[in-house]
C-alpha atoms as a PDB file:
ATOM      1  CA  MET A   1      12.200  12.540 -46.878  1.00  0.00           C
ATOM      2  CA  SER A   2      11.425  13.447 -43.297  1.00  0.00           C
ATOM      3  CA  GLY A   3      12.633  11.281 -40.436  1.00  0.00           C
ATOM      4  CA  CYS A   4      10.577   8.788 -38.402  1.00  0.00           C
ATOM      5  CA  THR A   5       8.217  10.438 -35.941  1.00  0.00           C
ATOM      6  CA  ALA A   6       8.324   7.566 -33.418  1.00  0.00           C
ATOM      7  CA  PRO A   7      10.677   9.408 -31.025  1.00  0.00           C
ATOM      8  CA  VAL A   8       8.112  12.233 -30.831  1.00  0.00           C
ATOM      9  CA  TYR A   9       4.708  10.674 -31.244  1.00  0.00           C
ATOM     10  CA  GLY A  10       5.379   6.985 -30.832  1.00  0.00           C
ATOM     11  CA  HIS A  11       3.729   4.291 -32.939  1.00  0.00           C
ATOM     12  CA  ARG A  12       1.193   3.154 -30.353  1.00  0.00           C
ATOM     13  CA  THR A  13      -1.541   2.662 -32.918  1.00  0.00           C
ATOM     14  CA  ALA A  14      -1.751   1.590 -36.525  1.00  0.00           C
ATOM     15  CA  SER A  15      -2.935   5.070 -37.549  1.00  0.00           C
ATOM     16  CA  ALA A  16       0.113   6.677 -35.912  1.00  0.00           C
ATOM     17  CA  ALA A  17       2.456   4.458 -37.933  1.00  0.00           C
ATOM     18  CA  ALA A  18       0.475   5.115 -41.080  1.00  0.00           C
ATOM     19  CA  ASN A  19       0.905   8.880 -40.632  1.00  0.00           C
ATOM     20  CA  CYS A  20       4.687   8.567 -40.216  1.00  0.00           C
ATOM     21  CA  PRO A  21       6.535   9.676 -43.425  1.00  0.00           C
ATOM     22  CA  VAL A  22       8.976   6.768 -43.063  1.00  0.00           C
ATOM     23  CA  CYS A  23       7.015   3.879 -41.597  1.00  0.00           C
ATOM     24  CA  ARG A  24       3.899   4.302 -43.737  1.00  0.00           C
ATOM     25  CA  TYR A  25       5.883   3.047 -46.750  1.00  0.00           C
ATOM     26  CA  LYS A  26       7.107   0.025 -44.822  1.00  0.00           C
ATOM     27  CA  SER A  27       3.563  -0.908 -44.006  1.00  0.00           C
ATOM     28  CA  ARG A  28       2.582  -1.357 -47.612  1.00  0.00           C
ATOM     29  CA  GLY A  29       2.385  -4.969 -48.653  1.00  0.00           C
ATOM     30  CA  ARG A  30       3.415  -6.285 -45.242  1.00  0.00           C
ATOM     31  CA  ARG A  31       3.294  -4.836 -41.760  1.00  0.00           C
ATOM     32  CA  THR A  32       6.782  -4.435 -40.283  1.00  0.00           C
ATOM     33  CA  TYR A  33       6.017  -2.082 -37.393  1.00  0.00           C
ATOM     34  CA  SER A  34       4.480  -2.995 -34.099  1.00  0.00           C
ATOM     35  CA  TYR A  35       2.191  -1.036 -31.855  1.00  0.00           C
ATOM     36  CA  PHE A  36       0.376  -1.459 -28.590  1.00  0.00           C
ATOM     37  CA  GLU A  37      -2.640  -0.076 -26.866  1.00  0.00           C
ATOM     38  CA  PRO A  38      -1.645   1.469 -23.541  1.00  0.00           C
ATOM     39  CA  THR A  39      -3.081  -0.382 -20.564  1.00  0.00           C
ATOM     40  CA  PRO A  40      -5.228   1.864 -18.380  1.00  0.00           C
ATOM     41  CA  ILE A  41      -3.626   2.407 -14.986  1.00  0.00           C
ATOM     42  CA  PRO A  42      -6.151   2.191 -12.147  1.00  0.00           C
ATOM     43  CA  SER A  43      -6.357   5.122  -9.782  1.00  0.00           C
ATOM     44  CA  PHE A  44      -6.085   4.387  -6.079  1.00  0.00           C
ATOM     45  CA  SER A  45      -6.477   6.542  -3.032  1.00  0.00           C
ATOM     46  CA  GLY A  46      -6.262   6.099   0.712  1.00  0.00           C
ATOM     47  CA  GLY A  47      -2.787   4.634   1.104  1.00  0.00           C
ATOM     48  CA  SER A  48      -2.803   0.860   1.160  1.00  0.00           C
ATOM     49  CA  SER A  49      -6.547   0.429   1.295  1.00  0.00           C
ATOM     50  CA  GLY A  50      -6.650  -0.686  -2.348  1.00  0.00           C
ATOM     51  CA  ARG A  51      -9.954   1.053  -2.938  1.00  0.00           C
ATOM     52  CA  SER A  52     -10.942   3.167  -5.919  1.00  0.00           C
ATOM     53  CA  GLY A  53     -10.115   6.858  -6.141  1.00  0.00           C
ATOM     54  CA  ASN A  54     -13.615   8.021  -5.225  1.00  0.00           C
ATOM     55  CA  TYR A  55     -13.840   5.786  -2.141  1.00  0.00           C
ATOM     56  CA  ASN A  56     -12.776   8.485   0.319  1.00  0.00           C
ATOM     57  CA  SER A  57     -15.193  11.107  -0.948  1.00  0.00           C
ATOM     58  CA  SER A  58     -18.087   8.648  -1.221  1.00  0.00           C
ATOM     59  CA  LYS A  59     -17.636   7.790   2.463  1.00  0.00           C
ATOM     60  CA  GLY A  60     -17.182  11.388   3.547  1.00  0.00           C
ATOM     61  CA  ARG A  61     -13.442  10.959   4.060  1.00  0.00           C
ATOM     62  CA  THR A  62     -12.249  14.241   2.625  1.00  0.00           C
ATOM     63  CA  LYS A  63     -10.480  15.801   5.621  1.00  0.00           C
ATOM     64  CA  LYS A  64      -6.995  15.644   7.077  1.00  0.00           C
ATOM     65  CA  PRO A  65      -6.305  16.350  10.752  1.00  0.00           C
ATOM     66  CA  SER A  66      -3.726  18.910  11.828  1.00  0.00           C
ATOM     67  CA  TRP A  67      -1.276  16.161  12.791  1.00  0.00           C
ATOM     68  CA  SER A  68      -1.409  14.458   9.386  1.00  0.00           C
ATOM     69  CA  ASN A  69       1.622  14.744   7.139  1.00  0.00           C
ATOM     70  CA  SER A  70       1.008  16.945   4.107  1.00  0.00           C
ATOM     71  CA  ASN A  71       2.145  14.101   1.845  1.00  0.00           C
ATOM     72  CA  SER A  72      -0.207  11.572   3.442  1.00  0.00           C
ATOM     73  CA  SER A  73      -2.804   9.898   1.229  1.00  0.00           C
ATOM     74  CA  ILE A  74      -5.001   9.000   4.216  1.00  0.00           C
ATOM     75  CA  TYR A  75      -8.256  10.897   4.674  1.00  0.00           C
ATOM     76  CA  TYR A  76     -10.730  11.076   7.542  1.00  0.00           C
ATOM     77  CA  THR A  77     -14.357  11.904   8.199  1.00  0.00           C
ATOM     78  CA  PRO A  78     -15.070  14.931  10.422  1.00  0.00           C
ATOM     79  CA  ALA A  79     -16.388  12.475  13.052  1.00  0.00           C
ATOM     80  CA  GLU A  80     -13.116  10.516  13.018  1.00  0.00           C
ATOM     81  CA  ILE A  81     -11.099  13.688  13.503  1.00  0.00           C
ATOM     82  CA  LYS A  82     -13.381  14.733  16.368  1.00  0.00           C
ATOM     83  CA  THR A  83     -12.913  11.310  17.974  1.00  0.00           C
ATOM     84  CA  LEU A  84      -9.141  11.211  17.582  1.00  0.00           C
ATOM     85  CA  THR A  85      -8.376  14.828  18.548  1.00  0.00           C
ATOM     86  CA  PRO A  86      -8.623  14.319  22.358  1.00  0.00           C
ATOM     87  CA  ALA A  87      -6.390  11.240  22.051  1.00  0.00           C
ATOM     88  CA  ARG A  88      -3.902  13.238  19.989  1.00  0.00           C
ATOM     89  CA  LYS A  89      -3.721  15.917  22.693  1.00  0.00           C
ATOM     90  CA  ILE A  90      -2.891  13.243  25.268  1.00  0.00           C
ATOM     91  CA  VAL A  91      -0.243  11.801  22.955  1.00  0.00           C
ATOM     92  CA  GLU A  92       1.381  15.229  22.671  1.00  0.00           C
ATOM     93  CA  GLU A  93       1.234  15.775  26.438  1.00  0.00           C
ATOM     94  CA  ARG A  94       2.683  12.381  27.307  1.00  0.00           C
ATOM     95  CA  THR A  95       5.308  12.105  24.575  1.00  0.00           C
ATOM     96  CA  LYS A  96       7.962  13.758  26.741  1.00  0.00           C
ATOM     97  CA  LYS A  97       7.486  11.203  29.510  1.00  0.00           C
ATOM     98  CA  PRO A  98      10.072   8.424  29.383  1.00  0.00           C
ATOM     99  CA  ASP A  99       9.433   4.762  28.680  1.00  0.00           C
ATOM    100  CA  LEU A 100       5.804   5.060  27.573  1.00  0.00           C
ATOM    101  CA  ARG A 101       4.280   2.757  24.987  1.00  0.00           C
ATOM    102  CA  ASP A 102       2.377   4.446  22.184  1.00  0.00           C
ATOM    103  CA  VAL A 103      -0.690   2.245  22.560  1.00  0.00           C
ATOM    104  CA  PHE A 104      -2.339  -0.052  25.099  1.00  0.00           C
ATOM    105  CA  LEU A 105      -4.316  -2.718  23.235  1.00  0.00           C
ATOM    106  CA  CYS A 106      -7.447  -3.722  25.145  1.00  0.00           C
ATOM    107  CA  HIS A 107      -9.067  -6.879  23.790  1.00  0.00           C
ATOM    108  CA  ALA A 108     -10.949 -10.019  24.733  1.00  0.00           C
ATOM    109  CA  TRP A 109      -8.774 -12.893  25.887  1.00  0.00           C
ATOM    110  CA  ASP A 110     -10.333 -15.104  23.201  1.00  0.00           C
ATOM    111  CA  ASP A 111      -9.067 -12.749  20.470  1.00  0.00           C
ATOM    112  CA  ARG A 112      -5.438 -12.777  21.610  1.00  0.00           C
ATOM    113  CA  LYS A 113      -4.326 -15.240  18.893  1.00  0.00           C
ATOM    114  CA  HIS A 114      -6.638 -13.960  16.176  1.00  0.00           C
ATOM    115  CA  SER A 115      -7.936 -10.444  15.463  1.00  0.00           C
ATOM    116  CA  ALA A 116      -6.068  -8.847  18.377  1.00  0.00           C
ATOM    117  CA  LYS A 117      -2.808 -10.441  17.231  1.00  0.00           C
ATOM    118  CA  ASP A 118      -3.480  -9.311  13.650  1.00  0.00           C
ATOM    119  CA  LEU A 119      -3.991  -5.734  14.822  1.00  0.00           C
ATOM    120  CA  TYR A 120      -0.923  -5.918  17.055  1.00  0.00           C
ATOM    121  CA  ASP A 121       1.253  -7.107  14.157  1.00  0.00           C
ATOM    122  CA  LEU A 122       0.003  -4.311  11.906  1.00  0.00           C
ATOM    123  CA  LEU A 123       0.630  -1.631  14.529  1.00  0.00           C
ATOM    124  CA  VAL A 124       4.130  -2.920  15.235  1.00  0.00           C
ATOM    125  CA  SER A 125       4.871  -2.979  11.502  1.00  0.00           C
ATOM    126  CA  LYS A 126       4.183   0.794  11.534  1.00  0.00           C
ATOM    127  CA  ASN A 127       6.784   1.281  14.290  1.00  0.00           C
ATOM    128  CA  ILE A 128       4.104   1.747  16.946  1.00  0.00           C
ATOM    129  CA  SER A 129       5.070   0.460  20.383  1.00  0.00           C
ATOM    130  CA  VAL A 130       2.167  -1.569  21.772  1.00  0.00           C
ATOM    131  CA  TRP A 131       1.354  -2.998  25.206  1.00  0.00           C
ATOM    132  CA  PHE A 132      -0.149  -6.388  24.407  1.00  0.00           C
ATOM    133  CA  SER A 133      -0.985  -8.957  27.067  1.00  0.00           C
ATOM    134  CA  GLU A 134       0.382 -11.861  25.023  1.00  0.00           C
ATOM    135  CA  LYS A 135       3.784 -10.190  24.952  1.00  0.00           C
ATOM    136  CA  ASP A 136       3.897  -8.159  28.155  1.00  0.00           C
ATOM    137  CA  VAL A 137       2.460 -10.280  30.966  1.00  0.00           C
ATOM    138  CA  PRO A 138       5.195 -12.495  32.464  1.00  0.00           C
ATOM    139  CA  LEU A 139       4.267 -15.984  33.590  1.00  0.00           C
ATOM    140  CA  GLY A 140       3.360 -16.211  37.256  1.00  0.00           C
ATOM    141  CA  THR A 141       2.438 -12.524  37.635  1.00  0.00           C
ATOM    142  CA  SER A 142      -0.920 -10.944  38.428  1.00  0.00           C
ATOM    143  CA  LEU A 143      -2.740 -10.223  35.170  1.00  0.00           C
ATOM    144  CA  LEU A 144      -4.776  -7.407  36.697  1.00  0.00           C
ATOM    145  CA  ARG A 145      -1.660  -5.783  38.170  1.00  0.00           C
ATOM    146  CA  GLU A 146       0.211  -6.010  34.869  1.00  0.00           C
ATOM    147  CA  ILE A 147      -2.760  -4.521  33.040  1.00  0.00           C
ATOM    148  CA  ASP A 148      -2.856  -1.670  35.532  1.00  0.00           C
ATOM    149  CA  LYS A 149       0.835  -0.995  34.937  1.00  0.00           C
ATOM    150  CA  GLY A 150       0.364  -1.246  31.168  1.00  0.00           C
ATOM    151  CA  LEU A 151      -2.403   1.341  31.201  1.00  0.00           C
ATOM    152  CA  ALA A 152      -0.287   3.707  33.288  1.00  0.00           C
ATOM    153  CA  LYS A 153       2.667   3.362  30.930  1.00  0.00           C
ATOM    154  CA  SER A 154       0.809   3.876  27.643  1.00  0.00           C
ATOM    155  CA  LYS A 155      -0.118   7.107  25.901  1.00  0.00           C
ATOM    156  CA  ILE A 156      -3.507   6.000  24.592  1.00  0.00           C
ATOM    157  CA  GLY A 157      -5.681   2.912  24.586  1.00  0.00           C
ATOM    158  CA  ILE A 158      -7.282   1.023  21.711  1.00  0.00           C
ATOM    159  CA  VAL A 159     -10.333  -1.082  22.499  1.00  0.00           C
ATOM    160  CA  LEU A 160     -10.845  -3.828  19.922  1.00  0.00           C
ATOM    161  CA  VAL A 161     -14.599  -4.455  20.074  1.00  0.00           C
ATOM    162  CA  THR A 162     -15.471  -7.929  18.774  1.00  0.00           C
ATOM    163  CA  PRO A 163     -18.306 -10.377  19.504  1.00  0.00           C
ATOM    164  CA  LYS A 164     -16.012 -12.075  22.067  1.00  0.00           C
ATOM    165  CA  PHE A 165     -15.254  -8.718  23.657  1.00  0.00           C
ATOM    166  CA  LEU A 166     -18.981  -8.037  24.077  1.00  0.00           C
ATOM    167  CA  GLU A 167     -19.359 -11.421  25.766  1.00  0.00           C
ATOM    168  CA  ARG A 168     -16.539 -10.587  28.187  1.00  0.00           C
ATOM    169  CA  ILE A 169     -18.117  -7.265  29.122  1.00  0.00           C
ATOM    170  CA  GLU A 170     -21.482  -8.896  29.789  1.00  0.00           C
ATOM    171  CA  ASN A 171     -19.771 -11.456  32.028  1.00  0.00           C
ATOM    172  CA  SER A 172     -17.642  -8.817  33.810  1.00  0.00           C
ATOM    173  CA  GLY A 173     -14.389 -10.351  32.627  1.00  0.00           C
ATOM    174  CA  ILE A 174     -10.909  -8.845  32.481  1.00  0.00           C
ATOM    175  CA  ALA A 175     -11.798  -6.792  29.410  1.00  0.00           C
ATOM    176  CA  ASP A 176     -14.515  -5.081  31.431  1.00  0.00           C
ATOM    177  CA  LYS A 177     -11.978  -3.982  34.064  1.00  0.00           C
ATOM    178  CA  GLU A 178      -9.588  -2.650  31.415  1.00  0.00           C
ATOM    179  CA  LEU A 179     -12.453  -0.812  29.776  1.00  0.00           C
ATOM    180  CA  SER A 180     -13.542   0.821  33.028  1.00  0.00           C
ATOM    181  CA  ALA A 181     -10.060   2.291  33.506  1.00  0.00           C
ATOM    182  CA  LEU A 182      -9.897   3.574  29.943  1.00  0.00           C
ATOM    183  CA  LEU A 183     -13.387   5.096  30.044  1.00  0.00           C
ATOM    184  CA  ALA A 184     -12.252   7.337  32.903  1.00  0.00           C
ATOM    185  CA  THR A 185      -9.901   9.179  30.511  1.00  0.00           C
ATOM    186  CA  ASP A 186      -9.784  10.577  26.986  1.00  0.00           C
ATOM    187  CA  GLN A 187      -7.217   7.927  26.075  1.00  0.00           C
ATOM    188  CA  LEU A 188      -9.808   5.624  24.574  1.00  0.00           C
ATOM    189  CA  VAL A 189     -10.270   4.909  20.851  1.00  0.00           C
ATOM    190  CA  PRO A 190     -12.649   2.034  19.967  1.00  0.00           C
ATOM    191  CA  ILE A 191     -12.237  -0.133  16.875  1.00  0.00           C
ATOM    192  CA  VAL A 192     -15.343  -2.140  15.999  1.00  0.00           C
ATOM    193  CA  HIS A 193     -14.533  -5.431  14.265  1.00  0.00           C
ATOM    194  CA  ASP A 194     -17.018  -8.123  13.109  1.00  0.00           C
ATOM    195  CA  THR A 195     -19.804  -6.424  15.084  1.00  0.00           C
ATOM    196  CA  THR A 196     -21.648  -3.096  15.063  1.00  0.00           C
ATOM    197  CA  TYR A 197     -22.025  -0.025  17.231  1.00  0.00           C
ATOM    198  CA  GLU A 198     -25.699  -0.951  17.650  1.00  0.00           C
ATOM    199  CA  GLU A 199     -24.708  -4.279  19.225  1.00  0.00           C
ATOM    200  CA  LEU A 200     -22.125  -2.501  21.368  1.00  0.00           C
ATOM    201  CA  ARG A 201     -24.757  -0.015  22.548  1.00  0.00           C
ATOM    202  CA  ASP A 202     -26.846  -2.882  23.916  1.00  0.00           C
ATOM    203  CA  VAL A 203     -23.927  -3.963  26.110  1.00  0.00           C
ATOM    204  CA  SER A 204     -22.022  -0.753  26.873  1.00  0.00           C
ATOM    205  CA  PRO A 205     -23.846   2.483  26.022  1.00  0.00           C
ATOM    206  CA  LEU A 206     -20.969   4.492  27.478  1.00  0.00           C
ATOM    207  CA  LEU A 207     -18.393   2.934  25.173  1.00  0.00           C
ATOM    208  CA  ALA A 208     -20.763   3.112  22.203  1.00  0.00           C
ATOM    209  CA  SER A 209     -21.155   6.845  22.811  1.00  0.00           C
ATOM    210  CA  ARG A 210     -17.513   7.259  21.811  1.00  0.00           C
ATOM    211  CA  SER A 211     -17.407   7.080  18.062  1.00  0.00           C
ATOM    212  CA  GLY A 212     -14.320   5.393  16.706  1.00  0.00           C
ATOM    213  CA  LEU A 213     -13.149   3.369  13.732  1.00  0.00           C
ATOM    214  CA  ASP A 214     -14.872   0.466  12.031  1.00  0.00           C
ATOM    215  CA  THR A 215     -13.282  -2.375  10.047  1.00  0.00           C
ATOM    216  CA  SER A 216     -16.462  -2.785   8.008  1.00  0.00           C
ATOM    217  CA  GLU A 217     -15.645   0.598   6.447  1.00  0.00           C
ATOM    218  CA  GLU A 218     -11.858   0.467   6.353  1.00  0.00           C
ATOM    219  CA  THR A 219      -9.336  -2.331   6.513  1.00  0.00           C
ATOM    220  CA  MET A 220      -7.208  -2.883   9.596  1.00  0.00           C
ATOM    221  CA  GLU A 221      -4.247  -1.885   7.452  1.00  0.00           C
ATOM    222  CA  VAL A 222      -5.710   1.582   6.843  1.00  0.00           C
ATOM    223  CA  ILE A 223      -6.764   1.902  10.486  1.00  0.00           C
ATOM    224  CA  SER A 224      -3.251   1.030  11.645  1.00  0.00           C
ATOM    225  CA  ASN A 225      -1.920   3.740   9.315  1.00  0.00           C
ATOM    226  CA  LYS A 226      -4.205   6.241  11.026  1.00  0.00           C
ATOM    227  CA  PHE A 227      -2.833   5.254  14.415  1.00  0.00           C
ATOM    228  CA  ALA A 228       0.693   5.610  13.069  1.00  0.00           C
ATOM    229  CA  GLU A 229      -0.153   9.207  12.173  1.00  0.00           C
ATOM    230  CA  LEU A 230      -1.903   9.739  15.498  1.00  0.00           C
ATOM    231  CA  VAL A 231       1.061   8.779  17.697  1.00  0.00           C
ATOM    232  CA  ALA A 232       3.810  10.305  15.554  1.00  0.00           C
ATOM    233  CA  VAL A 233       5.068  13.382  17.396  1.00  0.00           C
ATOM    234  CA  GLU A 234       8.316  15.093  16.512  1.00  0.00           C
ATOM    235  CA  LEU A 235      10.109  16.306  19.593  1.00  0.00           C
ATOM    236  CA  VAL A 236      11.786  19.708  19.320  1.00  0.00           C
ATOM    237  CA  THR A 237      15.011  19.936  21.260  1.00  0.00           C
ATOM    238  CA  GLN A 238      15.552  23.206  23.087  1.00  0.00           C
ATOM    239  CA  PHE A 239      19.092  24.629  23.042  1.00  0.00           C
END
């Protein structure tokens, strides 16, 4: 008699066991084998976004920028790559300068313990060095002066656009002054959160003209991964 075929075919179904020259005899009268139906494994794409495999393509995210690692599972739209490319060039130019933060986080004061802090924590978890007012403005110092120094010592700037941020701009608050400095350069990358570019356009057409990233389309986790790719530059030592 031939041997059991389980090592080759496996007895995952009743029919497989029944076709085995050994186990089919055991199954007569009483069932002594066991089998299981394999559980379908869901397909995911886009790193930690937790979205289905066709999410990227359905949203037009089918491209990778030149600075993206070949093993990366993060995809971009052509518009996102166009937006981030000038910032990437600045990152590459400024990487050799000493003591620069990767990112200056511009946000509304009201968001400092909420969405801005959430974004800060995510960026830091990706080993991104971030200038953040809650951490980098010493007590008793001039906020405007510290912001000015933070902008000068950062490679690029992220503007977290929230409903509170729009209020600050309309009222010419601190966020408006930070924004003015960032708009004068190509350092600026907006992230729209809990609002829309249409609402931003009503308050700051100049900022709205710079397409960026949107948390209604991607999670902050995925967006922080994109910034981790954006600021990662490998320095080549010359001998």
